[in-house]
Amino acid sequence: MLLSLMPALFGCAASLPPTEDVFASEGDTVTLDCKFETTDTAPSLFWYRQEMGDFPKYLWKGSGGFSENAPGISIERYKATINGTSVPLTIQKLQLTDSAVYYCALRPTVTGNTTTLYKNLWREDNTILHNIH
């Protein structure tokens, strides 16, 4: 059974395009990369996961030497670390429920107000970055 994991970016004033969709099998390990550009010397970075028909949910946050998974998110399966100008998310022992769109952000973006999320999914040239409807 194949799983589909789609990395994307939002909430970043200066971000680089996301990587390609990732397809893997149950039990595999995958790494989703997120590259960013910022003048902030200690950026706050976040990973979110959005399952089909649902809103994005917070997975991980990190800044400087601080790194923390969201409550209920297994540190054994989900790991992220800021590495220069990238913050790769590694998911181990893939399960069918891991199929989702994964987002990284340079600041907290999903705080219960999805209006901000929809706004941030548009590029500066007004073309859609990722349609989540």
C-alpha atoms as a PDB file:
ATOM      1  CA  MET A   1       0.000   0.000   0.000  1.00  0.00           C
ATOM      2  CA  LEU A   2       1.518   3.352  -1.042  1.00  0.00           C
ATOM      3  CA  LEU A   3       1.369   6.455   1.093  1.00  0.00           C
ATOM      4  CA  SER A   4       1.406   9.965  -0.346  1.00  0.00           C
ATOM      5  CA  LEU A   5       3.154  12.734   1.578  1.00  0.00           C
ATOM      6  CA  MET A   6       3.141  16.192   0.026  1.00  0.00           C
ATOM      7  CA  PRO A   7       5.485  18.820   1.457  1.00  0.00           C
ATOM      8  CA  ALA A   8       4.536  22.488   1.054  1.00  0.00           C
ATOM      9  CA  LEU A   9       5.422  25.863   2.539  1.00  0.00           C
ATOM     10  CA  PHE A  10       3.323  28.649   3.975  1.00  0.00           C
ATOM     11  CA  GLY A  11       3.664  31.609   6.266  1.00  0.00           C
ATOM     12  CA  CYS A  12       7.085  32.484   4.879  1.00  0.00           C
ATOM     13  CA  ALA A  13       7.865  35.859   3.383  1.00  0.00           C
ATOM     14  CA  ALA A  14      10.994  34.434   1.780  1.00  0.00           C
ATOM     15  CA  SER A  15      10.727  30.708   1.222  1.00  0.00           C
ATOM     16  CA  LEU A  16      12.025  28.327  -1.385  1.00  0.00           C
ATOM     17  CA  PRO A  17       9.745  26.061  -3.462  1.00  0.00           C
ATOM     18  CA  PRO A  18       8.712  22.795  -1.791  1.00  0.00           C
ATOM     19  CA  THR A  19      10.123  19.458  -2.795  1.00  0.00           C
ATOM     20  CA  GLU A  20       8.211  16.958  -4.947  1.00  0.00           C
ATOM     21  CA  ASP A  21       5.450  14.722  -3.622  1.00  0.00           C
ATOM     22  CA  VAL A  22       6.797  11.698  -1.767  1.00  0.00           C
ATOM     23  CA  PHE A  23       5.419   8.194  -2.223  1.00  0.00           C
ATOM     24  CA  ALA A  24       6.424   5.428   0.168  1.00  0.00           C
ATOM     25  CA  SER A  25       5.206   2.137   1.613  1.00  0.00           C
ATOM     26  CA  GLU A  26       4.002   1.325   5.087  1.00  0.00           C
ATOM     27  CA  GLY A  27       6.927   0.764   7.446  1.00  0.00           C
ATOM     28  CA  ASP A  28       9.318   2.941   5.407  1.00  0.00           C
ATOM     29  CA  THR A  29      11.189   5.999   6.673  1.00  0.00           C
ATOM     30  CA  VAL A  30      10.925   9.251   4.711  1.00  0.00           C
ATOM     31  CA  THR A  31      12.441  12.702   5.126  1.00  0.00           C
ATOM     32  CA  LEU A  32      10.606  15.795   3.949  1.00  0.00           C
ATOM     33  CA  ASP A  33      12.874  18.800   3.516  1.00  0.00           C
ATOM     34  CA  CYS A  34      11.959  22.425   4.036  1.00  0.00           C
ATOM     35  CA  LYS A  35      14.428  25.063   2.921  1.00  0.00           C
ATOM     36  CA  PHE A  36      13.965  28.666   4.004  1.00  0.00           C
ATOM     37  CA  GLU A  37      15.577  32.075   3.782  1.00  0.00           C
ATOM     38  CA  THR A  38      15.374  34.626   6.549  1.00  0.00           C
ATOM     39  CA  THR A  39      17.421  37.424   8.058  1.00  0.00           C
ATOM     40  CA  ASP A  40      16.309  36.316  11.523  1.00  0.00           C
ATOM     41  CA  THR A  41      19.303  34.923  13.439  1.00  0.00           C
ATOM     42  CA  ALA A  42      17.083  32.613  15.517  1.00  0.00           C
ATOM     43  CA  PRO A  43      14.057  31.779  13.353  1.00  0.00           C
ATOM     44  CA  SER A  44      11.054  29.958  14.788  1.00  0.00           C
ATOM     45  CA  LEU A  45      10.112  27.060  12.532  1.00  0.00           C
ATOM     46  CA  PHE A  46       7.049  24.829  12.554  1.00  0.00           C
ATOM     47  CA  TRP A  47       5.776  21.677  10.848  1.00  0.00           C
ATOM     48  CA  TYR A  48       2.050  21.012  10.337  1.00  0.00           C
ATOM     49  CA  ARG A  49       0.150  18.038   8.888  1.00  0.00           C
ATOM     50  CA  GLN A  50      -3.167  18.304   7.064  1.00  0.00           C
ATOM     51  CA  GLU A  51      -5.173  15.159   6.438  1.00  0.00           C
ATOM     52  CA  MET A  52      -7.758  15.126   3.669  1.00  0.00           C
ATOM     53  CA  GLY A  53     -10.913  17.003   4.655  1.00  0.00           C
ATOM     54  CA  ASP A  54      -9.359  18.430   7.823  1.00  0.00           C
ATOM     55  CA  PHE A  55      -7.459  21.565   8.828  1.00  0.00           C
ATOM     56  CA  PRO A  56      -3.663  21.650   9.357  1.00  0.00           C
ATOM     57  CA  LYS A  57      -2.542  20.424  12.773  1.00  0.00           C
ATOM     58  CA  TYR A  58       0.654  21.423  14.522  1.00  0.00           C
ATOM     59  CA  LEU A  59       3.350  18.685  14.669  1.00  0.00           C
ATOM     60  CA  TRP A  60       6.638  20.310  15.706  1.00  0.00           C
ATOM     61  CA  LYS A  61       8.294  23.613  16.572  1.00  0.00           C
ATOM     62  CA  GLY A  62      11.903  24.651  16.941  1.00  0.00           C
ATOM     63  CA  SER A  63      14.057  27.730  17.414  1.00  0.00           C
ATOM     64  CA  GLY A  64      17.787  27.881  18.042  1.00  0.00           C
ATOM     65  CA  GLY A  65      18.632  24.840  20.158  1.00  0.00           C
ATOM     66  CA  PHE A  66      14.995  24.287  21.193  1.00  0.00           C
ATOM     67  CA  SER A  67      12.962  21.526  19.530  1.00  0.00           C
ATOM     68  CA  GLU A  68       9.594  20.115  20.585  1.00  0.00           C
ATOM     69  CA  ASN A  69       6.938  17.818  19.157  1.00  0.00           C
ATOM     70  CA  ALA A  70       3.289  18.705  19.672  1.00  0.00           C
ATOM     71  CA  PRO A  71       1.520  16.856  22.495  1.00  0.00           C
ATOM     72  CA  GLY A  72       0.636  13.335  21.383  1.00  0.00           C
ATOM     73  CA  ILE A  73       3.142  13.325  18.472  1.00  0.00           C
ATOM     74  CA  SER A  74       5.626  10.485  18.954  1.00  0.00           C
ATOM     75  CA  ILE A  75       9.268  11.607  19.082  1.00  0.00           C
ATOM     76  CA  GLU A  76      10.224   8.073  18.046  1.00  0.00           C
ATOM     77  CA  ARG A  77       8.335   8.449  14.731  1.00  0.00           C
ATOM     78  CA  TYR A  78       8.477  12.205  13.992  1.00  0.00           C
ATOM     79  CA  LYS A  79      11.776  14.074  14.245  1.00  0.00           C
ATOM     80  CA  ALA A  80      12.791  17.502  12.953  1.00  0.00           C
ATOM     81  CA  THR A  81      15.909  19.589  13.501  1.00  0.00           C
ATOM     82  CA  ILE A  82      16.902  23.007  12.222  1.00  0.00           C
ATOM     83  CA  ASN A  83      20.023  22.563  10.107  1.00  0.00           C
ATOM     84  CA  GLY A  84      21.267  25.904   8.773  1.00  0.00           C
ATOM     85  CA  THR A  85      18.633  26.996   6.257  1.00  0.00           C
ATOM     86  CA  SER A  86      16.625  23.773   6.227  1.00  0.00           C
ATOM     87  CA  VAL A  87      14.434  21.922   8.672  1.00  0.00           C
ATOM     88  CA  PRO A  88      13.962  18.317   7.514  1.00  0.00           C
ATOM     89  CA  LEU A  89      11.125  16.275   9.009  1.00  0.00           C
ATOM     90  CA  THR A  90      11.821  12.545   9.280  1.00  0.00           C
ATOM     91  CA  ILE A  91       8.880  10.166   9.692  1.00  0.00           C
ATOM     92  CA  GLN A  92       9.745   6.604  10.666  1.00  0.00           C
ATOM     93  CA  LYS A  93       7.647   3.431  10.496  1.00  0.00           C
ATOM     94  CA  LEU A  94       5.156   4.997   8.079  1.00  0.00           C
ATOM     95  CA  GLN A  95       1.502   4.194   8.609  1.00  0.00           C
ATOM     96  CA  LEU A  96      -1.403   4.701   6.241  1.00  0.00           C
ATOM     97  CA  THR A  97      -2.603   7.515   8.527  1.00  0.00           C
ATOM     98  CA  ASP A  98       0.600   9.460   7.719  1.00  0.00           C
ATOM     99  CA  SER A  99      -0.752  10.208   4.212  1.00  0.00           C
ATOM    100  CA  ALA A 100      -1.267  13.969   4.261  1.00  0.00           C
ATOM    101  CA  VAL A 101      -0.007  17.349   3.144  1.00  0.00           C
ATOM    102  CA  TYR A 102       2.883  18.494   5.341  1.00  0.00           C
ATOM    103  CA  TYR A 103       3.611  22.207   5.756  1.00  0.00           C
ATOM    104  CA  CYS A 104       6.528  24.027   7.271  1.00  0.00           C
ATOM    105  CA  ALA A 105       6.360  27.646   8.343  1.00  0.00           C
ATOM    106  CA  LEU A 106       8.739  30.345   9.600  1.00  0.00           C
ATOM    107  CA  ARG A 107       6.322  31.476  12.274  1.00  0.00           C
ATOM    108  CA  PRO A 108       3.213  30.059  13.987  1.00  0.00           C
ATOM    109  CA  THR A 109       0.524  30.189  11.346  1.00  0.00           C
ATOM    110  CA  VAL A 110      -2.317  27.909  12.400  1.00  0.00           C
ATOM    111  CA  THR A 111      -3.736  29.220  15.649  1.00  0.00           C
ATOM    112  CA  GLY A 112      -7.414  28.463  15.156  1.00  0.00           C
ATOM    113  CA  ASN A 113      -7.837  31.230  12.566  1.00  0.00           C
ATOM    114  CA  THR A 114      -7.794  29.471   9.193  1.00  0.00           C
ATOM    115  CA  THR A 115      -8.270  32.787   7.353  1.00  0.00           C
ATOM    116  CA  THR A 116      -4.541  33.400   7.869  1.00  0.00           C
ATOM    117  CA  LEU A 117      -3.762  29.923   6.510  1.00  0.00           C
ATOM    118  CA  TYR A 118      -5.730  30.416   3.305  1.00  0.00           C
ATOM    119  CA  LYS A 119      -4.155  33.846   2.788  1.00  0.00           C
ATOM    120  CA  ASN A 120      -0.654  32.439   3.213  1.00  0.00           C
ATOM    121  CA  LEU A 121      -1.178  29.717   0.614  1.00  0.00           C
ATOM    122  CA  TRP A 122      -0.913  32.342  -2.165  1.00  0.00           C
ATOM    123  CA  ARG A 123       2.403  33.379  -3.678  1.00  0.00           C
ATOM    124  CA  GLU A 124       3.420  37.024  -3.874  1.00  0.00           C
ATOM    125  CA  ASP A 125       2.591  37.042  -7.617  1.00  0.00           C
ATOM    126  CA  ASN A 126      -1.017  36.034  -6.718  1.00  0.00           C
ATOM    127  CA  THR A 127      -0.741  32.503  -8.103  1.00  0.00           C
ATOM    128  CA  ILE A 128      -1.889  29.703  -5.854  1.00  0.00           C
ATOM    129  CA  LEU A 129       0.855  27.853  -3.979  1.00  0.00           C
ATOM    130  CA  HIS A 130      -1.302  24.961  -2.807  1.00  0.00           C
ATOM    131  CA  ASN A 131      -5.043  24.439  -3.008  1.00  0.00           C
ATOM    132  CA  ILE A 132      -6.375  22.754   0.125  1.00  0.00           C
ATOM    133  CA  HIS A 133     -10.127  22.929  -0.612  1.00  0.00           C
END
